[in-house]
Every structure is written in C-alpha cells, then in structure tokens.
Amino acid sequence: MVRIEFLGPINKPAIEMEAATLADVAKALREDAELAPWLENSAVAVNDTLVAGLETPLKSGDKVSLLPPVCGG
C-alpha cells in the first residue's frame, strides 16, 4: 500500500491504495472529479523527493504527495 497525501488547497484527507507506479496512482485519482483538475498542475513527490515521470516505481510504504501550485509573499 502507498499513502497519497493532498497538500495545500486540495483539502482532502490522505488515502492508501495499491499501486506499482505513479501511473497507477494518476489513473485512480483521475476518477475523482474533485481531484482531476489538480492533477494537471500539481508537482508530485515520492518520499519527499520531487519526481517528473509517471513511470516512477512505487513500493509498499511509499508516500506520494500532491503539491498544488501556490502563491504568496
């Protein structure tokens, strides 16, 4: 199981799911109409390290964080 955290204004509780790659996570999250718009513009971190590719492998116990764009001063 991997833990998916939604940071900042996404404002959803963390979930856990079975996933072998980030592509599996993205596919599952696209099914949630509230999350789908965030997926296009958010950065993704696995175990607190930013990643760019959906082919990124995941293993049980990994933490995936969705980091939406924010602005501030």
C-alpha atoms as a PDB file:
ATOM      1  CA  MET A   1       0.000   0.000   0.000  1.00  0.00           C
ATOM      2  CA  VAL A   2       1.153   3.538  -0.746  1.00  0.00           C
ATOM      3  CA  ARG A   3      -0.117   6.613   1.058  1.00  0.00           C
ATOM      4  CA  ILE A   4      -1.342   9.535  -1.043  1.00  0.00           C
ATOM      5  CA  GLU A   5      -1.296  12.966   0.625  1.00  0.00           C
ATOM      6  CA  PHE A   6      -3.053  16.030  -0.762  1.00  0.00           C
ATOM      7  CA  LEU A   7      -1.345  19.234   0.316  1.00  0.00           C
ATOM      8  CA  GLY A   8      -2.420  22.873   0.408  1.00  0.00           C
ATOM      9  CA  PRO A   9      -5.763  23.920  -1.051  1.00  0.00           C
ATOM     10  CA  ILE A  10      -6.677  20.456  -2.324  1.00  0.00           C
ATOM     11  CA  ASN A  11      -8.018  19.884   1.194  1.00  0.00           C
ATOM     12  CA  LYS A  12      -8.709  16.142   1.027  1.00  0.00           C
ATOM     13  CA  PRO A  13      -7.755  13.532   3.603  1.00  0.00           C
ATOM     14  CA  ALA A  14      -4.898  11.155   2.781  1.00  0.00           C
ATOM     15  CA  ILE A  15      -5.780   7.808   1.226  1.00  0.00           C
ATOM     16  CA  GLU A  16      -3.999   4.494   0.806  1.00  0.00           C
ATOM     17  CA  MET A  17      -4.038   2.335  -2.308  1.00  0.00           C
ATOM     18  CA  GLU A  18      -2.200  -0.441  -4.098  1.00  0.00           C
ATOM     19  CA  ALA A  19      -0.018   0.987  -6.865  1.00  0.00           C
ATOM     20  CA  ALA A  20       3.106  -0.198  -8.681  1.00  0.00           C
ATOM     21  CA  THR A  21       3.848   3.139 -10.408  1.00  0.00           C
ATOM     22  CA  LEU A  22       2.728   6.752 -10.334  1.00  0.00           C
ATOM     23  CA  ALA A  23       0.721   5.978 -13.469  1.00  0.00           C
ATOM     24  CA  ASP A  24      -1.464   3.676 -11.337  1.00  0.00           C
ATOM     25  CA  VAL A  25      -1.990   6.484  -8.828  1.00  0.00           C
ATOM     26  CA  ALA A  26      -2.795   9.028 -11.557  1.00  0.00           C
ATOM     27  CA  LYS A  27      -5.327   6.678 -13.150  1.00  0.00           C
ATOM     28  CA  ALA A  28      -7.138   6.177  -9.843  1.00  0.00           C
ATOM     29  CA  LEU A  29      -7.108   9.880  -8.944  1.00  0.00           C
ATOM     30  CA  ARG A  30      -8.483  10.933 -12.354  1.00  0.00           C
ATOM     31  CA  GLU A  31     -11.672   9.070 -11.468  1.00  0.00           C
ATOM     32  CA  ASP A  32     -12.346  11.616  -8.683  1.00  0.00           C
ATOM     33  CA  ALA A  33     -13.954  14.663 -10.301  1.00  0.00           C
ATOM     34  CA  GLU A  34     -12.722  16.949  -7.492  1.00  0.00           C
ATOM     35  CA  LEU A  35      -9.099  15.838  -7.913  1.00  0.00           C
ATOM     36  CA  ALA A  36      -8.853  15.658 -11.688  1.00  0.00           C
ATOM     37  CA  PRO A  37      -8.290  19.423 -12.205  1.00  0.00           C
ATOM     38  CA  TRP A  38      -5.419  19.428  -9.685  1.00  0.00           C
ATOM     39  CA  LEU A  39      -3.539  16.631 -11.440  1.00  0.00           C
ATOM     40  CA  GLU A  40      -2.606  18.750 -14.458  1.00  0.00           C
ATOM     41  CA  ASN A  41      -0.853  21.483 -12.465  1.00  0.00           C
ATOM     42  CA  SER A  42       0.468  19.815  -9.323  1.00  0.00           C
ATOM     43  CA  ALA A  43       4.006  18.700  -8.636  1.00  0.00           C
ATOM     44  CA  VAL A  44       4.442  15.190  -7.257  1.00  0.00           C
ATOM     45  CA  ALA A  45       6.851  13.972  -4.611  1.00  0.00           C
ATOM     46  CA  VAL A  46       7.621  10.391  -3.639  1.00  0.00           C
ATOM     47  CA  ASN A  47       9.019  10.116  -0.124  1.00  0.00           C
ATOM     48  CA  ASP A  48       9.617  13.894  -0.120  1.00  0.00           C
ATOM     49  CA  THR A  49      11.615  13.913  -3.392  1.00  0.00           C
ATOM     50  CA  LEU A  50      10.107  15.626  -6.445  1.00  0.00           C
ATOM     51  CA  VAL A  51       9.605  13.325  -9.427  1.00  0.00           C
ATOM     52  CA  ALA A  52       8.550  14.032 -13.001  1.00  0.00           C
ATOM     53  CA  GLY A  53       7.639  10.734 -14.661  1.00  0.00           C
ATOM     54  CA  LEU A  54       4.544   8.597 -14.275  1.00  0.00           C
ATOM     55  CA  GLU A  55       6.781   5.561 -14.786  1.00  0.00           C
ATOM     56  CA  THR A  56       8.276   6.158 -11.316  1.00  0.00           C
ATOM     57  CA  PRO A  57       8.070   2.829  -9.467  1.00  0.00           C
ATOM     58  CA  LEU A  58       6.421   2.620  -6.060  1.00  0.00           C
ATOM     59  CA  LYS A  59       6.757   0.101  -3.267  1.00  0.00           C
ATOM     60  CA  SER A  60       4.695  -0.650  -0.200  1.00  0.00           C
ATOM     61  CA  GLY A  61       5.118   2.065   2.407  1.00  0.00           C
ATOM     62  CA  ASP A  62       5.938   4.862  -0.050  1.00  0.00           C
ATOM     63  CA  LYS A  63       4.380   8.293   0.466  1.00  0.00           C
ATOM     64  CA  VAL A  64       3.145  10.178  -2.597  1.00  0.00           C
ATOM     65  CA  SER A  65       2.421  13.875  -2.089  1.00  0.00           C
ATOM     66  CA  LEU A  66       0.421  16.025  -4.484  1.00  0.00           C
ATOM     67  CA  LEU A  67       1.756  19.600  -4.297  1.00  0.00           C
ATOM     68  CA  PRO A  68      -0.557  22.124  -5.963  1.00  0.00           C
ATOM     69  CA  PRO A  69       0.801  25.441  -7.199  1.00  0.00           C
ATOM     70  CA  VAL A  70       0.511  28.198  -4.600  1.00  0.00           C
ATOM     71  CA  CYS A  71       1.394  31.826  -4.460  1.00  0.00           C
ATOM     72  CA  GLY A  72       2.115  34.083  -1.583  1.00  0.00           C
ATOM     73  CA  GLY A  73       4.503  36.567  -0.239  1.00  0.00           C
END
